[in-house]
Amino acid sequence: MNQTAKKDKDPNAPETIIVPADTDQVHCDGGVGPLGHPRVWYSFDGAQSVECGYCDRLFVKESEA
């Protein structure tokens, strides 16, 4: 899965991760080591974005422009 991460201007803002437009599911583990959380999977179910319930990372599908 090819993902591109970007941080907003606010250093405390949750990370936004851009995924390919044809992505159906993503997983999140909150990062590496003790700062992470259990790996959880999310389905887009027709939505353009999903948010992690643990760390608030936002996974957004690329626009198909």
PDB file of N, CA and C in Angstrom:
ATOM      1  N   MET A   1       0.844  -1.166   0.000  1.00  0.00           N
ATOM      2  CA  MET A   1       0.000   0.000   0.000  1.00  0.00           C
ATOM      3  C   MET A   1       0.893   1.234   0.000  1.00  0.00           C
ATOM      4  N   ASN A   2       0.750   2.069  -0.996  1.00  0.00           N
ATOM      5  CA  ASN A   2       1.535   3.291  -1.112  1.00  0.00           C
ATOM      6  C   ASN A   2       0.794   4.410  -0.385  1.00  0.00           C
ATOM      7  N   GLN A   3       1.424   4.987   0.622  1.00  0.00           N
ATOM      8  CA  GLN A   3       0.807   6.045   1.402  1.00  0.00           C
ATOM      9  C   GLN A   3       1.720   7.247   1.440  1.00  0.00           C
ATOM     10  N   THR A   4       1.126   8.416   1.392  1.00  0.00           N
ATOM     11  CA  THR A   4       1.870   9.654   1.533  1.00  0.00           C
ATOM     12  C   THR A   4       1.355  10.357   2.770  1.00  0.00           C
ATOM     13  N   ALA A   5       2.243  10.692   3.681  1.00  0.00           N
ATOM     14  CA  ALA A   5       1.839  11.359   4.923  1.00  0.00           C
ATOM     15  C   ALA A   5       2.171  12.837   4.830  1.00  0.00           C
ATOM     16  N   LYS A   6       1.314  13.643   5.422  1.00  0.00           N
ATOM     17  CA  LYS A   6       1.609  15.071   5.499  1.00  0.00           C
ATOM     18  C   LYS A   6       1.151  15.584   6.851  1.00  0.00           C
ATOM     19  N   LYS A   7       1.862  16.539   7.361  1.00  0.00           N
ATOM     20  CA  LYS A   7       1.514  17.172   8.618  1.00  0.00           C
ATOM     21  C   LYS A   7       0.925  18.531   8.321  1.00  0.00           C
ATOM     22  N   ASP A   8      -0.116  18.883   9.063  1.00  0.00           N
ATOM     23  CA  ASP A   8      -0.677  20.218   8.949  1.00  0.00           C
ATOM     24  C   ASP A   8       0.294  21.210   9.578  1.00  0.00           C
ATOM     25  N   LYS A   9      -0.015  22.485   9.453  1.00  0.00           N
ATOM     26  CA  LYS A   9       0.869  23.507  10.010  1.00  0.00           C
ATOM     27  C   LYS A   9       0.954  23.423  11.530  1.00  0.00           C
ATOM     28  N   ASP A  10      -0.089  22.949  12.172  1.00  0.00           N
ATOM     29  CA  ASP A  10      -0.093  22.769  13.619  1.00  0.00           C
ATOM     30  C   ASP A  10       0.671  21.492  13.953  1.00  0.00           C
ATOM     31  N   PRO A  11       1.799  21.567  14.657  1.00  0.00           N
ATOM     32  CA  PRO A  11       2.589  20.363  14.943  1.00  0.00           C
ATOM     33  C   PRO A  11       1.858  19.354  15.827  1.00  0.00           C
ATOM     34  N   ASN A  12       0.800  19.776  16.509  1.00  0.00           N
ATOM     35  CA  ASN A  12       0.026  18.867  17.350  1.00  0.00           C
ATOM     36  C   ASN A  12      -1.176  18.272  16.632  1.00  0.00           C
ATOM     37  N   ALA A  13      -1.393  18.678  15.390  1.00  0.00           N
ATOM     38  CA  ALA A  13      -2.525  18.163  14.619  1.00  0.00           C
ATOM     39  C   ALA A  13      -2.267  16.708  14.235  1.00  0.00           C
ATOM     40  N   PRO A  14      -3.317  15.899  14.202  1.00  0.00           N
ATOM     41  CA  PRO A  14      -3.137  14.505  13.767  1.00  0.00           C
ATOM     42  C   PRO A  14      -2.613  14.455  12.332  1.00  0.00           C
ATOM     43  N   GLU A  15      -1.893  13.407  12.039  1.00  0.00           N
ATOM     44  CA  GLU A  15      -1.312  13.215  10.712  1.00  0.00           C
ATOM     45  C   GLU A  15      -2.410  12.910   9.690  1.00  0.00           C
ATOM     46  N   THR A  16      -2.259  13.431   8.476  1.00  0.00           N
ATOM     47  CA  THR A  16      -3.135  13.100   7.360  1.00  0.00           C
ATOM     48  C   THR A  16      -2.345  12.240   6.400  1.00  0.00           C
ATOM     49  N   ILE A  17      -2.903  11.093   6.029  1.00  0.00           N
ATOM     50  CA  ILE A  17      -2.227  10.168   5.136  1.00  0.00           C
ATOM     51  C   ILE A  17      -3.059  10.023   3.867  1.00  0.00           C
ATOM     52  N   ILE A  18      -2.446  10.345   2.732  1.00  0.00           N
ATOM     53  CA  ILE A  18      -3.101  10.251   1.432  1.00  0.00           C
ATOM     54  C   ILE A  18      -2.859   8.855   0.881  1.00  0.00           C
ATOM     55  N   VAL A  19      -3.939   8.181   0.483  1.00  0.00           N
ATOM     56  CA  VAL A  19      -3.834   6.829  -0.066  1.00  0.00           C
ATOM     57  C   VAL A  19      -4.381   6.841  -1.491  1.00  0.00           C
ATOM     58  N   PRO A  20      -4.010   5.862  -2.332  1.00  0.00           N
ATOM     59  CA  PRO A  20      -4.518   5.813  -3.699  1.00  0.00           C
ATOM     60  C   PRO A  20      -6.047   5.790  -3.743  1.00  0.00           C
ATOM     61  N   ALA A  21      -6.604   6.342  -4.790  1.00  0.00           N
ATOM     62  CA  ALA A  21      -8.060   6.474  -4.923  1.00  0.00           C
ATOM     63  C   ALA A  21      -8.788   5.138  -4.907  1.00  0.00           C
ATOM     64  N   ASP A  22      -8.125   4.057  -5.331  1.00  0.00           N
ATOM     65  CA  ASP A  22      -8.800   2.759  -5.396  1.00  0.00           C
ATOM     66  C   ASP A  22      -8.640   1.940  -4.112  1.00  0.00           C
ATOM     67  N   THR A  23      -8.150   2.541  -3.046  1.00  0.00           N
ATOM     68  CA  THR A  23      -7.965   1.846  -1.771  1.00  0.00           C
ATOM     69  C   THR A  23      -9.318   1.578  -1.119  1.00  0.00           C
ATOM     70  N   ASP A  24      -9.512   0.337  -0.648  1.00  0.00           N
ATOM     71  CA  ASP A  24     -10.751  -0.031   0.036  1.00  0.00           C
ATOM     72  C   ASP A  24     -10.588  -0.067   1.550  1.00  0.00           C
ATOM     73  N   GLN A  25      -9.377  -0.470   2.028  1.00  0.00           N
ATOM     74  CA  GLN A  25      -9.124  -0.588   3.458  1.00  0.00           C
ATOM     75  C   GLN A  25      -7.748  -0.026   3.800  1.00  0.00           C
ATOM     76  N   VAL A  26      -7.617   0.448   5.036  1.00  0.00           N
ATOM     77  CA  VAL A  26      -6.323   0.886   5.553  1.00  0.00           C
ATOM     78  C   VAL A  26      -6.174   0.329   6.966  1.00  0.00           C
ATOM     79  N   HIS A  27      -4.933   0.268   7.437  1.00  0.00           N
ATOM     80  CA  HIS A  27      -4.711  -0.093   8.838  1.00  0.00           C
ATOM     81  C   HIS A  27      -3.863   0.984   9.494  1.00  0.00           C
ATOM     82  N   CYS A  28      -3.996   1.067  10.806  1.00  0.00           N
ATOM     83  CA  CYS A  28      -3.237   2.043  11.576  1.00  0.00           C
ATOM     84  C   CYS A  28      -2.744   1.358  12.839  1.00  0.00           C
ATOM     85  N   ASP A  29      -1.487   1.636  13.199  1.00  0.00           N
ATOM     86  CA  ASP A  29      -0.949   1.122  14.461  1.00  0.00           C
ATOM     87  C   ASP A  29      -0.375   2.250  15.306  1.00  0.00           C
ATOM     88  N   GLY A  30      -0.620   3.473  14.898  1.00  0.00           N
ATOM     89  CA  GLY A  30      -0.225   4.625  15.685  1.00  0.00           C
ATOM     90  C   GLY A  30       1.240   4.991  15.640  1.00  0.00           C
ATOM     91  N   GLY A  31       2.031   4.243  14.908  1.00  0.00           N
ATOM     92  CA  GLY A  31       3.448   4.553  14.844  1.00  0.00           C
ATOM     93  C   GLY A  31       4.288   3.430  15.397  1.00  0.00           C
ATOM     94  N   VAL A  32       5.551   3.701  15.554  1.00  0.00           N
ATOM     95  CA  VAL A  32       6.516   2.682  15.931  1.00  0.00           C
ATOM     96  C   VAL A  32       6.730   2.679  17.444  1.00  0.00           C
ATOM     97  N   GLY A  33       6.945   1.495  17.989  1.00  0.00           N
ATOM     98  CA  GLY A  33       7.345   1.371  19.384  1.00  0.00           C
ATOM     99  C   GLY A  33       6.242   1.635  20.383  1.00  0.00           C
ATOM    100  N   PRO A  34       6.625   2.087  21.571  1.00  0.00           N
ATOM    101  CA  PRO A  34       5.674   2.240  22.665  1.00  0.00           C
ATOM    102  C   PRO A  34       4.655   3.364  22.460  1.00  0.00           C
ATOM    103  N   LEU A  35       4.872   4.225  21.483  1.00  0.00           N
ATOM    104  CA  LEU A  35       3.927   5.308  21.232  1.00  0.00           C
ATOM    105  C   LEU A  35       2.763   4.875  20.356  1.00  0.00           C
ATOM    106  N   GLY A  36       2.801   3.638  19.872  1.00  0.00           N
ATOM    107  CA  GLY A  36       1.762   3.149  18.987  1.00  0.00           C
ATOM    108  C   GLY A  36       0.538   2.656  19.747  1.00  0.00           C
ATOM    109  N   HIS A  37      -0.328   1.968  19.022  1.00  0.00           N
ATOM    110  CA  HIS A  37      -1.524   1.357  19.593  1.00  0.00           C
ATOM    111  C   HIS A  37      -1.776   0.054  18.842  1.00  0.00           C
ATOM    112  N   PRO A  38      -2.738  -0.758  19.274  1.00  0.00           N
ATOM    113  CA  PRO A  38      -3.011  -1.998  18.550  1.00  0.00           C
ATOM    114  C   PRO A  38      -3.357  -1.714  17.086  1.00  0.00           C
ATOM    115  N   ARG A  39      -2.938  -2.606  16.188  1.00  0.00           N
ATOM    116  CA  ARG A  39      -3.259  -2.434  14.768  1.00  0.00           C
ATOM    117  C   ARG A  39      -4.764  -2.606  14.572  1.00  0.00           C
ATOM    118  N   VAL A  40      -5.362  -1.622  13.932  1.00  0.00           N
ATOM    119  CA  VAL A  40      -6.792  -1.658  13.621  1.00  0.00           C
ATOM    120  C   VAL A  40      -6.978  -1.412  12.128  1.00  0.00           C
ATOM    121  N   TRP A  41      -8.002  -2.015  11.565  1.00  0.00           N
ATOM    122  CA  TRP A  41      -8.307  -1.878  10.140  1.00  0.00           C
ATOM    123  C   TRP A  41      -9.572  -1.056   9.975  1.00  0.00           C
ATOM    124  N   TYR A  42      -9.586  -0.234   8.937  1.00  0.00           N
ATOM    125  CA  TYR A  42     -10.750   0.597   8.624  1.00  0.00           C
ATOM    126  C   TYR A  42     -11.113   0.417   7.156  1.00  0.00           C
ATOM    127  N   SER A  43     -12.400   0.379   6.873  1.00  0.00           N
ATOM    128  CA  SER A  43     -12.910   0.283   5.509  1.00  0.00           C
ATOM    129  C   SER A  43     -13.489   1.631   5.120  1.00  0.00           C
ATOM    130  N   PHE A  44     -13.267   2.036   3.875  1.00  0.00           N
ATOM    131  CA  PHE A  44     -13.794   3.321   3.418  1.00  0.00           C
ATOM    132  C   PHE A  44     -15.304   3.267   3.195  1.00  0.00           C
ATOM    133  N   ASP A  45     -15.859   2.098   2.856  1.00  0.00           N
ATOM    134  CA  ASP A  45     -17.311   1.944   2.655  1.00  0.00           C
ATOM    135  C   ASP A  45     -17.924   3.102   1.870  1.00  0.00           C
ATOM    136  N   GLY A  46     -17.288   3.477   0.768  1.00  0.00           N
ATOM    137  CA  GLY A  46     -17.811   4.535  -0.100  1.00  0.00           C
ATOM    138  C   GLY A  46     -17.427   5.947   0.312  1.00  0.00           C
ATOM    139  N   ALA A  47     -16.795   6.107   1.474  1.00  0.00           N
ATOM    140  CA  ALA A  47     -16.384   7.439   1.935  1.00  0.00           C
ATOM    141  C   ALA A  47     -15.041   7.812   1.316  1.00  0.00           C
ATOM    142  N   GLN A  48     -14.706   9.070   1.347  1.00  0.00           N
ATOM    143  CA  GLN A  48     -13.423   9.558   0.828  1.00  0.00           C
ATOM    144  C   GLN A  48     -12.347   9.587   1.903  1.00  0.00           C
ATOM    145  N   SER A  49     -12.750   9.463   3.178  1.00  0.00           N
ATOM    146  CA  SER A  49     -11.771   9.496   4.259  1.00  0.00           C
ATOM    147  C   SER A  49     -12.270   8.671   5.445  1.00  0.00           C
ATOM    148  N   VAL A  50     -11.315   8.215   6.253  1.00  0.00           N
ATOM    149  CA  VAL A  50     -11.621   7.540   7.521  1.00  0.00           C
ATOM    150  C   VAL A  50     -10.634   8.047   8.563  1.00  0.00           C
ATOM    151  N   GLU A  51     -11.063   8.069   9.810  1.00  0.00           N
ATOM    152  CA  GLU A  51     -10.233   8.563  10.902  1.00  0.00           C
ATOM    153  C   GLU A  51      -9.985   7.442  11.897  1.00  0.00           C
ATOM    154  N   CYS A  52      -8.752   7.329  12.368  1.00  0.00           N
ATOM    155  CA  CYS A  52      -8.399   6.316  13.362  1.00  0.00           C
ATOM    156  C   CYS A  52      -9.037   6.679  14.699  1.00  0.00           C
ATOM    157  N   GLY A  53      -9.691   5.711  15.296  1.00  0.00           N
ATOM    158  CA  GLY A  53     -10.337   5.924  16.587  1.00  0.00           C
ATOM    159  C   GLY A  53      -9.371   6.039  17.749  1.00  0.00           C
ATOM    160  N   TYR A  54      -8.127   5.613  17.560  1.00  0.00           N
ATOM    161  CA  TYR A  54      -7.118   5.698  18.620  1.00  0.00           C
ATOM    162  C   TYR A  54      -6.328   7.005  18.550  1.00  0.00           C
ATOM    163  N   CYS A  55      -5.745   7.295  17.387  1.00  0.00           N
ATOM    164  CA  CYS A  55      -4.790   8.412  17.307  1.00  0.00           C
ATOM    165  C   CYS A  55      -5.264   9.569  16.422  1.00  0.00           C
ATOM    166  N   ASP A  56      -6.448   9.453  15.865  1.00  0.00           N
ATOM    167  CA  ASP A  56      -7.054  10.507  15.044  1.00  0.00           C
ATOM    168  C   ASP A  56      -6.359  10.741  13.709  1.00  0.00           C
ATOM    169  N   ARG A  57      -5.429   9.850  13.315  1.00  0.00           N
ATOM    170  CA  ARG A  57      -4.868   9.981  11.965  1.00  0.00           C
ATOM    171  C   ARG A  57      -6.009   9.945  10.966  1.00  0.00           C
ATOM    172  N   LEU A  58      -5.887  10.762   9.937  1.00  0.00           N
ATOM    173  CA  LEU A  58      -6.911  10.837   8.907  1.00  0.00           C
ATOM    174  C   LEU A  58      -6.359  10.230   7.629  1.00  0.00           C
ATOM    175  N   PHE A  59      -7.042   9.238   7.103  1.00  0.00           N
ATOM    176  CA  PHE A  59      -6.680   8.594   5.841  1.00  0.00           C
ATOM    177  C   PHE A  59      -7.622   9.132   4.779  1.00  0.00           C
ATOM    178  N   VAL A  60      -7.056   9.742   3.723  1.00  0.00           N
ATOM    179  CA  VAL A  60      -7.845  10.402   2.694  1.00  0.00           C
ATOM    180  C   VAL A  60      -7.481   9.820   1.340  1.00  0.00           C
ATOM    181  N   LYS A  61      -8.489   9.488   0.551  1.00  0.00           N
ATOM    182  CA  LYS A  61      -8.240   8.983  -0.804  1.00  0.00           C
ATOM    183  C   LYS A  61      -7.801  10.114  -1.705  1.00  0.00           C
ATOM    184  N   GLU A  62      -6.839   9.816  -2.608  1.00  0.00           N
ATOM    185  CA  GLU A  62      -6.408  10.784  -3.626  1.00  0.00           C
ATOM    186  C   GLU A  62      -7.604  11.130  -4.508  1.00  0.00           C
ATOM    187  N   SER A  63      -7.640  12.336  -5.018  1.00  0.00           N
ATOM    188  CA  SER A  63      -8.688  12.676  -5.974  1.00  0.00           C
ATOM    189  C   SER A  63      -8.355  12.021  -7.309  1.00  0.00           C
ATOM    190  N   GLU A  64      -9.351  11.641  -8.046  1.00  0.00           N
ATOM    191  CA  GLU A  64      -9.155  10.931  -9.325  1.00  0.00           C
ATOM    192  C   GLU A  64      -9.122  11.913 -10.492  1.00  0.00           C
ATOM    193  N   ALA A  65      -8.580  13.074 -10.277  1.00  0.00           N
ATOM    194  CA  ALA A  65      -8.551  14.113 -11.321  1.00  0.00           C
ATOM    195  C   ALA A  65      -7.638  13.774 -12.460  1.00  0.00           C
TER     196      ALA A  65
END
